[in-house]
Amino acid sequence: MMDLTQAKLEDFRERLNLCLNCAACFYRGPIVPHNWRELPPPEWRTPSKKCPSFEYYQFRSYTALGRLTLAALVWRKNFPISDDLIKILYTCAGCNMCDEICQTFLPLYSILALREEVVERGIALPEPLPEMIAGIEEFYNIFGRKTEAKTPEKLPAEGEDMYFAGCYAKYRLPKTASATIRVLKAAGINVASLGEKERCCGFLARWSGNRAQAEKSARYNVEAMKKAGAKRVILSCAHGYHMWKNDYPRYVGPLPFEVIHVTELLAKLIEERKIEFRHEINEKITYHDPCFLGRHGKVYEQPRKVLKSIPGLEVVEMERTGKWSYCCGAGAKVTLNCYPDFARAVAAERLRETKQAAETLVTACPVCFEHLRNTANKEAIGLKVRDLPTLAAEAMGLGSRYT
């Protein structure tokens, strides 16, 4: 997010002075915020459990406040970055709960800056991040595979509405990509795709602290979209959406096209009566807000609008929902790959919370979807996990094979 310059250090010091050490970012139980704007905001009521890494590790260092203290030592005292510090730093799930609570300091800003410091110092990242980032560099995807994408649809390489599938939908969850494409086509959108020219969005590199690789990905993809004639880039991945919407403009400047998540677009198409759900789906479901679509992207109502428009579907809310929704544990794909036991424990807690509300969980991020589904199977939690685009495709009569 920042270059390691004197200006960066001074900015961090200024932010550090804003922290009151109140522990609102992680301590259990509702705490009045200290954002100095509204005290408290009218809707203020934080959940009992806030920070996933603190709840799992039960140690103050694994909190925004703890990581801030360590960052202060690194930058003020030239403190050595040990393996223990690396673990503390990279077990942050990036869920943005601390920023939602502490809107003055925004702790995640410094956590990401410290990750960039780790990379700039040449310190080894936790496994398997080095291999995954090398895969982005060599094979243009996080899985490091020199294979053809599994997305079955053949689309034009140029167009005004460009679908950016992302690594997960292209290589792991082609049904998500296929369902998204077919729903958009049914709504009359002439969707196109970069196809083999599409490269990893750079999200994993950015959240690992490798700004250079993230910027390289951003510049390539933006130029490719410009050449393709894009006026709107459509994403079904919450991680990719966050990267394109929030980080790409920082790297390359204002984008010459709109960036929109498929749930935002579907909600708009429903309002315009360009989508009609003809098939009833008689299920009681609850919706999980992906961190990078919800708290990071502020997209809360559109997915619910889509789900509530499907006939027969009963939509209920979990206890922790909206901006207070609990993380799935995937942690920007960092914790999922580097600390799988931690990631699985967080997902299991979220699934147990889901069971109290409904028998089916729906989400709008392929990473959340796969991680929660896998955890439900491994933990033998009797729960169905579904992806929103595939559910929409089924409700439009485009085939239950997309679910």
Protein backbone atom coordinates (compact mmCIF):
# COMPACT_ATOMS: atom_id res chain seq x y z
CA MET A 1 0.00 0.00 0.00
CA MET A 2 2.93 2.34 0.72
CA ASP A 3 6.53 2.70 -0.34
CA LEU A 4 9.03 2.32 2.48
CA THR A 5 10.19 5.94 2.56
CA GLN A 6 10.66 8.52 5.28
CA ALA A 7 7.20 9.84 4.44
CA LYS A 8 5.81 6.35 4.97
CA LEU A 9 7.50 6.09 8.36
CA GLU A 10 6.24 9.49 9.45
CA ASP A 11 2.73 8.59 8.35
CA PHE A 12 2.89 5.41 10.41
CA ARG A 13 4.14 7.31 13.46
CA GLU A 14 1.26 9.75 13.15
CA ARG A 15 -1.22 6.88 12.96
CA LEU A 16 0.43 5.14 15.91
CA ASN A 17 -0.22 8.18 18.08
CA LEU A 18 -3.95 7.82 17.40
CA CYS A 19 -4.19 4.38 19.03
CA LEU A 20 -5.65 4.58 22.56
CA ASN A 21 -4.92 0.93 23.43
CA CYS A 22 -8.59 0.47 24.26
CA ALA A 23 -8.67 -3.10 22.83
CA ALA A 24 -12.01 -2.47 21.10
CA CYS A 25 -10.57 -4.12 17.98
CA PHE A 26 -10.55 -7.55 19.62
CA TYR A 27 -11.87 -7.61 23.19
CA ARG A 28 -15.01 -9.62 23.73
CA GLY A 29 -18.29 -7.85 24.33
CA PRO A 30 -19.72 -4.59 22.94
CA ILE A 31 -17.41 -1.62 23.43
CA VAL A 32 -18.25 1.98 22.60
CA PRO A 33 -16.07 2.98 19.64
CA HIS A 34 -13.56 5.79 19.70
CA ASN A 35 -13.66 6.94 16.10
CA TRP A 36 -14.29 10.55 17.22
CA ARG A 37 -16.97 10.99 14.57
CA GLU A 38 -20.02 9.48 16.19
CA LEU A 39 -19.88 8.25 19.77
CA PRO A 40 -21.45 5.80 19.29
CA PRO A 41 -22.91 5.39 15.80
CA PRO A 42 -26.65 4.70 16.02
CA GLU A 43 -26.31 1.08 14.87
CA TRP A 44 -23.35 0.31 17.12
CA ARG A 45 -23.37 -3.16 18.56
CA THR A 46 -20.26 -5.22 17.89
CA PRO A 47 -20.39 -9.02 18.12
CA SER A 48 -18.96 -10.75 21.17
CA LYS A 49 -16.22 -12.36 19.07
CA LYS A 50 -14.44 -10.02 16.66
CA CYS A 51 -10.88 -10.94 15.69
CA PRO A 52 -10.54 -14.51 14.31
CA SER A 53 -6.83 -14.87 15.08
CA PHE A 54 -7.28 -13.69 18.67
CA GLU A 55 -10.16 -16.11 19.20
CA TYR A 56 -8.02 -18.98 17.92
CA TYR A 57 -4.60 -18.19 19.41
CA GLN A 58 -5.89 -16.47 22.58
CA PHE A 59 -2.89 -14.18 22.80
CA ARG A 60 -2.87 -10.40 22.56
CA SER A 61 -0.07 -10.30 19.99
CA TYR A 62 -2.50 -11.92 17.52
CA THR A 63 -4.69 -8.81 17.43
CA ALA A 64 -4.61 -5.51 15.58
CA LEU A 65 -3.33 -3.84 18.74
CA GLY A 66 -0.64 -6.50 19.23
CA ARG A 67 0.52 -6.30 15.64
CA LEU A 68 0.60 -2.53 15.90
CA THR A 69 2.93 -2.82 18.90
CA LEU A 70 5.21 -5.15 16.94
CA ALA A 71 5.16 -2.81 13.95
CA ALA A 72 6.23 0.03 16.23
CA LEU A 73 9.18 -2.02 17.45
CA VAL A 74 10.22 -2.93 13.89
CA TRP A 75 10.11 0.63 12.60
CA ARG A 76 11.19 2.58 15.69
CA LYS A 77 13.77 0.22 17.16
CA ASN A 78 14.81 -1.73 14.05
CA PHE A 79 13.52 -4.85 15.79
CA PRO A 80 14.49 -8.12 14.01
CA ILE A 81 11.69 -9.89 12.17
CA SER A 82 11.75 -13.43 13.56
CA ASP A 83 9.78 -16.52 12.56
CA ASP A 84 7.44 -15.93 15.50
CA LEU A 85 6.78 -12.38 14.35
CA ILE A 86 6.13 -13.65 10.81
CA LYS A 87 3.51 -16.07 12.14
CA ILE A 88 1.79 -13.33 14.12
CA LEU A 89 1.82 -11.01 11.13
CA TYR A 90 0.56 -13.51 8.55
CA THR A 91 -2.18 -15.01 10.69
CA CYS A 92 -4.10 -11.76 10.32
CA ALA A 93 -7.11 -12.81 8.25
CA GLY A 94 -7.46 -9.37 6.69
CA CYS A 95 -11.18 -9.52 7.50
CA ASN A 96 -11.30 -5.75 8.16
CA MET A 97 -13.25 -6.08 11.40
CA CYS A 98 -10.66 -3.96 13.22
CA ASP A 99 -10.97 -1.18 10.63
CA GLU A 100 -14.76 -1.28 10.94
CA ILE A 101 -14.41 -0.71 14.67
CA CYS A 102 -11.45 1.69 14.71
CA GLN A 103 -12.22 4.05 11.86
CA THR A 104 -9.67 6.62 13.01
CA PHE A 105 -6.54 4.49 13.11
CA LEU A 106 -7.53 1.79 10.56
CA PRO A 107 -5.12 -0.84 11.94
CA LEU A 108 -5.06 -3.02 8.82
CA TYR A 109 -3.18 -0.24 7.03
CA SER A 110 -0.12 -0.77 9.22
CA ILE A 111 -0.37 -4.56 9.15
CA LEU A 112 -0.19 -4.56 5.35
CA ALA A 113 2.60 -1.99 5.40
CA LEU A 114 4.61 -4.28 7.69
CA ARG A 115 4.07 -7.19 5.30
CA GLU A 116 5.53 -5.03 2.54
CA GLU A 117 8.47 -4.34 4.84
CA VAL A 118 9.02 -8.09 5.22
CA VAL A 119 9.18 -8.55 1.45
CA GLU A 120 11.42 -5.52 0.93
CA ARG A 121 13.88 -6.86 3.51
CA GLY A 122 14.02 -10.15 1.64
CA ILE A 123 12.77 -12.18 4.60
CA ALA A 124 11.33 -15.60 3.77
CA LEU A 125 7.55 -15.70 3.68
CA PRO A 126 5.63 -18.56 5.29
CA GLU A 127 5.16 -21.60 3.06
CA PRO A 128 3.72 -22.02 0.49
CA LEU A 129 3.50 -18.31 -0.38
CA PRO A 130 6.87 -18.17 -2.20
CA GLU A 131 5.84 -21.04 -4.48
CA MET A 132 2.40 -19.53 -5.12
CA ILE A 133 3.82 -16.12 -5.99
CA ALA A 134 6.34 -17.82 -8.29
CA GLY A 135 3.34 -19.48 -9.95
CA ILE A 136 1.83 -16.07 -10.60
CA GLU A 137 5.07 -14.92 -12.18
CA GLU A 138 5.63 -18.00 -14.34
CA PHE A 139 2.17 -19.44 -15.04
CA TYR A 140 -0.02 -16.39 -14.29
CA ASN A 141 -2.14 -18.14 -11.66
CA ILE A 142 -1.77 -18.90 -7.96
CA PHE A 143 -1.83 -22.67 -8.46
CA GLY A 144 1.35 -22.72 -10.53
CA ARG A 145 -0.17 -24.89 -13.20
CA LYS A 146 0.67 -24.61 -16.87
CA THR A 147 -2.69 -25.99 -17.92
CA GLU A 148 -5.68 -24.75 -19.83
CA ALA A 149 -8.44 -23.11 -17.86
CA LYS A 150 -11.43 -25.33 -17.06
CA THR A 151 -14.01 -22.63 -17.85
CA PRO A 152 -16.16 -24.35 -20.49
CA GLU A 153 -17.60 -21.27 -22.17
CA LYS A 154 -15.97 -19.91 -25.30
CA LEU A 155 -16.46 -16.16 -25.36
CA PRO A 156 -15.41 -13.33 -27.66
CA ALA A 157 -12.02 -11.85 -26.79
CA GLU A 158 -13.29 -8.29 -27.14
CA GLY A 159 -16.38 -6.47 -25.95
CA GLU A 160 -17.78 -3.76 -23.74
CA ASP A 161 -18.82 -6.20 -20.98
CA MET A 162 -15.76 -8.24 -20.00
CA TYR A 163 -16.01 -11.08 -17.47
CA PHE A 164 -12.88 -11.56 -15.35
CA ALA A 165 -13.09 -15.06 -13.88
CA GLY A 166 -10.02 -15.12 -11.62
CA CYS A 167 -7.86 -18.07 -10.59
CA TYR A 168 -10.47 -19.95 -8.55
CA ALA A 169 -13.27 -19.88 -11.12
CA LYS A 170 -10.88 -20.67 -13.98
CA TYR A 171 -8.95 -23.53 -12.39
CA ARG A 172 -10.96 -24.84 -9.44
CA LEU A 173 -14.61 -23.85 -9.77
CA PRO A 174 -15.52 -23.67 -13.47
CA LYS A 175 -19.21 -24.15 -12.59
CA THR A 176 -19.18 -20.71 -10.98
CA ALA A 177 -17.78 -19.14 -14.12
CA SER A 178 -20.15 -21.07 -16.37
CA ALA A 179 -23.20 -20.17 -14.32
CA THR A 180 -22.20 -16.50 -14.19
CA ILE A 181 -21.73 -16.36 -17.96
CA ARG A 182 -25.02 -18.08 -18.72
CA VAL A 183 -26.99 -15.87 -16.38
CA LEU A 184 -25.50 -12.76 -17.98
CA LYS A 185 -26.19 -14.08 -21.47
CA ALA A 186 -29.79 -14.85 -20.52
CA ALA A 187 -30.14 -11.23 -19.39
CA GLY A 188 -29.10 -10.05 -22.85
CA ILE A 189 -25.53 -9.07 -22.02
CA ASN A 190 -22.98 -9.74 -24.74
CA VAL A 191 -20.32 -10.92 -22.32
CA ALA A 192 -16.72 -11.36 -23.47
CA SER A 193 -13.53 -12.55 -21.76
CA LEU A 194 -9.77 -12.25 -22.02
CA GLY A 195 -9.67 -16.05 -22.03
CA GLU A 196 -6.10 -17.35 -22.10
CA LYS A 197 -4.83 -13.77 -21.91
CA GLU A 198 -6.38 -13.30 -18.47
CA ARG A 199 -3.78 -13.38 -15.69
CA CYS A 200 -4.01 -13.58 -11.92
CA CYS A 201 -5.38 -10.32 -10.52
CA GLY A 202 -2.43 -10.11 -8.09
CA PHE A 203 -4.57 -10.26 -4.95
CA LEU A 204 -2.50 -12.96 -3.21
CA ALA A 205 0.74 -11.14 -4.01
CA ARG A 206 -0.67 -7.88 -2.66
CA TRP A 207 -1.86 -9.49 0.60
CA SER A 208 1.45 -11.29 0.98
CA GLY A 209 3.24 -7.95 0.90
CA ASN A 210 4.66 -8.32 -2.60
CA ARG A 211 3.57 -4.97 -4.00
CA ALA A 212 5.82 -5.21 -7.07
CA GLN A 213 4.16 -8.40 -8.30
CA ALA A 214 0.70 -7.02 -7.51
CA GLU A 215 1.41 -3.88 -9.52
CA LYS A 216 2.75 -5.95 -12.41
CA SER A 217 -0.46 -7.98 -12.51
CA ALA A 218 -2.56 -4.84 -12.30
CA ARG A 219 -0.80 -3.08 -15.17
CA TYR A 220 -1.03 -6.11 -17.44
CA ASN A 221 -4.74 -6.79 -16.78
CA VAL A 222 -5.79 -3.16 -17.08
CA GLU A 223 -3.98 -2.75 -20.40
CA ALA A 224 -5.48 -6.01 -21.66
CA MET A 225 -8.97 -4.78 -20.78
CA LYS A 226 -8.36 -1.46 -22.51
CA LYS A 227 -7.27 -3.26 -25.69
CA ALA A 228 -10.35 -5.49 -25.47
CA GLY A 229 -12.60 -2.41 -25.49
CA ALA A 230 -13.97 -2.88 -21.99
CA LYS A 231 -16.49 -0.43 -20.61
CA ARG A 232 -17.44 -2.70 -17.73
CA VAL A 233 -15.44 -5.42 -15.98
CA ILE A 234 -17.62 -8.02 -14.23
CA LEU A 235 -16.26 -10.23 -11.44
CA SER A 236 -17.74 -13.14 -9.50
CA CYS A 237 -14.80 -13.29 -7.07
CA ALA A 238 -14.85 -11.03 -4.01
CA HIS A 239 -11.04 -11.01 -3.87
CA GLY A 240 -10.69 -10.01 -7.50
CA TYR A 241 -13.42 -7.40 -7.08
CA HIS A 242 -11.56 -5.82 -4.18
CA MET A 243 -8.31 -5.81 -6.13
CA TRP A 244 -9.78 -4.24 -9.27
CA LYS A 245 -11.99 -1.79 -7.42
CA ASN A 246 -9.68 -0.57 -4.67
CA ASP A 247 -6.06 -1.44 -5.45
CA TYR A 248 -5.76 -1.14 -9.22
CA PRO A 249 -6.54 2.62 -9.18
CA ARG A 250 -3.73 3.06 -6.63
CA TYR A 251 -1.30 1.31 -8.95
CA VAL A 252 -2.29 2.60 -12.39
CA GLY A 253 -4.54 5.61 -11.72
CA PRO A 254 -8.27 5.98 -12.49
CA LEU A 255 -9.67 3.10 -14.52
CA PRO A 256 -11.36 3.92 -17.85
CA PHE A 257 -14.14 1.39 -17.21
CA GLU A 258 -16.61 0.38 -14.51
CA VAL A 259 -15.77 -2.45 -12.09
CA ILE A 260 -18.78 -4.36 -10.79
CA HIS A 261 -19.39 -7.56 -8.84
CA VAL A 262 -21.88 -9.98 -10.35
CA THR A 263 -24.24 -9.58 -7.38
CA GLU A 264 -24.37 -5.82 -7.96
CA LEU A 265 -25.09 -6.40 -11.64
CA LEU A 266 -27.76 -9.04 -10.99
CA ALA A 267 -29.54 -6.74 -8.52
CA LYS A 268 -29.52 -4.01 -11.17
CA LEU A 269 -30.83 -6.37 -13.84
CA ILE A 270 -33.65 -7.46 -11.53
CA GLU A 271 -34.67 -3.83 -11.06
CA GLU A 272 -34.64 -3.36 -14.84
CA ARG A 273 -36.74 -6.52 -15.25
CA LYS A 274 -34.11 -8.10 -17.47
CA ILE A 275 -33.88 -11.17 -15.26
CA GLU A 276 -36.77 -13.40 -14.31
CA PHE A 277 -36.55 -16.26 -11.86
CA ARG A 278 -39.13 -18.79 -13.01
CA HIS A 279 -38.18 -21.85 -11.02
CA GLU A 280 -38.99 -22.16 -7.35
CA ILE A 281 -36.22 -23.22 -4.98
CA ASN A 282 -37.92 -24.26 -1.78
CA GLU A 283 -35.11 -23.91 0.70
CA LYS A 284 -34.42 -21.99 3.87
CA ILE A 285 -31.05 -20.33 3.40
CA THR A 286 -28.77 -17.84 5.10
CA TYR A 287 -26.22 -15.61 3.42
CA HIS A 288 -22.55 -15.32 4.40
CA ASP A 289 -21.02 -11.91 3.66
CA PRO A 290 -17.52 -12.40 2.20
CA CYS A 291 -15.14 -10.03 3.98
CA PHE A 292 -13.79 -8.57 0.75
CA LEU A 293 -17.24 -7.99 -0.71
CA GLY A 294 -18.89 -6.87 2.52
CA ARG A 295 -16.67 -4.95 4.95
CA HIS A 296 -14.03 -4.14 2.33
CA GLY A 297 -16.44 -3.49 -0.55
CA LYS A 298 -19.60 -2.35 1.29
CA VAL A 299 -21.73 -4.63 -0.89
CA TYR A 300 -24.35 -5.96 1.52
CA GLU A 301 -27.85 -5.44 0.14
CA GLN A 302 -27.41 -6.49 -3.50
CA PRO A 303 -26.74 -10.22 -2.84
CA ARG A 304 -29.73 -10.31 -0.50
CA LYS A 305 -31.90 -8.59 -3.11
CA VAL A 306 -31.02 -11.31 -5.60
CA LEU A 307 -31.75 -14.12 -3.13
CA LYS A 308 -35.04 -12.59 -1.99
CA SER A 309 -36.15 -12.35 -5.63
CA ILE A 310 -35.93 -16.14 -6.10
CA PRO A 311 -39.39 -17.71 -5.62
CA GLY A 312 -39.67 -20.23 -2.81
CA LEU A 313 -36.44 -19.17 -1.16
CA GLU A 314 -36.70 -18.21 2.51
CA VAL A 315 -33.80 -15.94 3.49
CA VAL A 316 -32.91 -15.67 7.17
CA GLU A 317 -29.97 -13.97 8.85
CA MET A 318 -27.31 -15.36 11.14
CA GLU A 319 -26.54 -13.67 14.45
CA ARG A 320 -23.40 -12.09 12.99
CA THR A 321 -24.30 -10.57 9.67
CA GLY A 322 -23.65 -7.57 7.44
CA LYS A 323 -20.72 -5.48 8.60
CA TRP A 324 -20.35 -7.67 11.69
CA SER A 325 -20.28 -10.92 9.68
CA TYR A 326 -17.60 -13.34 10.90
CA CYS A 327 -14.75 -14.31 8.58
CA CYS A 328 -14.83 -17.71 6.82
CA GLY A 329 -11.17 -18.21 7.82
CA ALA A 330 -9.66 -18.20 4.33
CA GLY A 331 -7.86 -14.98 5.26
CA ALA A 332 -7.19 -13.50 1.80
CA LYS A 333 -6.00 -17.00 0.81
CA VAL A 334 -2.95 -16.41 3.04
CA THR A 335 -4.16 -18.11 6.23
CA LEU A 336 -5.95 -20.78 4.18
CA ASN A 337 -2.68 -21.92 2.63
CA CYS A 338 -0.16 -21.09 5.36
CA TYR A 339 -2.12 -21.91 8.53
CA PRO A 340 -4.81 -24.42 7.48
CA ASP A 341 -5.67 -25.56 11.02
CA PHE A 342 -6.46 -22.00 12.01
CA ALA A 343 -8.45 -21.41 8.81
CA ARG A 344 -10.45 -24.59 9.31
CA ALA A 345 -11.28 -23.77 12.95
CA VAL A 346 -12.64 -20.35 11.96
CA ALA A 347 -14.70 -21.86 9.14
CA ALA A 348 -16.11 -24.51 11.49
CA GLU A 349 -17.26 -21.84 13.91
CA ARG A 350 -18.95 -19.94 11.08
CA LEU A 351 -20.66 -23.12 9.90
CA ARG A 352 -21.93 -23.94 13.39
CA GLU A 353 -23.40 -20.46 13.54
CA THR A 354 -25.01 -21.10 10.15
CA LYS A 355 -26.66 -24.30 11.44
CA GLN A 356 -28.52 -22.26 14.04
CA ALA A 357 -30.21 -20.27 11.27
CA ALA A 358 -30.65 -22.60 8.27
CA GLU A 359 -29.60 -25.82 6.58
CA THR A 360 -28.16 -24.08 3.51
CA LEU A 361 -25.45 -21.43 3.36
CA VAL A 362 -25.07 -19.21 0.28
CA THR A 363 -22.10 -16.97 -0.39
CA ALA A 364 -20.84 -14.82 -3.27
CA CYS A 365 -17.11 -15.53 -3.27
CA PRO A 366 -15.57 -18.71 -4.75
CA VAL A 367 -12.86 -18.75 -2.08
CA CYS A 368 -15.40 -18.58 0.77
CA PHE A 369 -17.58 -21.11 -1.04
CA GLU A 370 -14.86 -23.74 -1.51
CA HIS A 371 -13.34 -23.28 1.95
CA LEU A 372 -16.68 -23.46 3.76
CA ARG A 373 -17.87 -26.42 1.68
CA ASN A 374 -14.64 -28.35 2.27
CA THR A 375 -14.74 -27.63 5.99
CA ALA A 376 -18.38 -28.72 6.24
CA ASN A 377 -17.40 -32.04 4.66
CA LYS A 378 -14.26 -32.55 6.74
CA GLU A 379 -15.95 -31.61 10.01
CA ALA A 380 -19.07 -33.65 9.15
CA ILE A 381 -21.28 -30.61 9.63
CA GLY A 382 -24.61 -31.45 8.02
CA LEU A 383 -24.90 -28.29 5.97
CA LYS A 384 -25.28 -27.50 2.28
CA VAL A 385 -23.01 -24.74 0.96
CA ARG A 386 -23.98 -23.04 -2.30
CA ASP A 387 -22.59 -20.37 -4.60
CA LEU A 388 -24.89 -17.46 -5.47
CA PRO A 389 -24.33 -17.40 -9.28
CA THR A 390 -25.07 -21.13 -9.56
CA LEU A 391 -28.20 -20.72 -7.44
CA ALA A 392 -29.35 -17.86 -9.69
CA ALA A 393 -28.70 -20.01 -12.77
CA GLU A 394 -30.86 -22.78 -11.37
CA ALA A 395 -33.67 -20.36 -10.53
CA MET A 396 -33.56 -19.08 -14.11
CA GLY A 397 -33.95 -22.60 -15.44
CA LEU A 398 -30.42 -22.82 -16.79
CA GLY A 399 -29.77 -26.21 -15.25
CA SER A 400 -29.24 -27.62 -11.77
CA ARG A 401 -25.83 -28.91 -12.86
CA TYR A 402 -24.45 -25.49 -11.98
CA THR A 403 -25.16 -25.93 -8.25
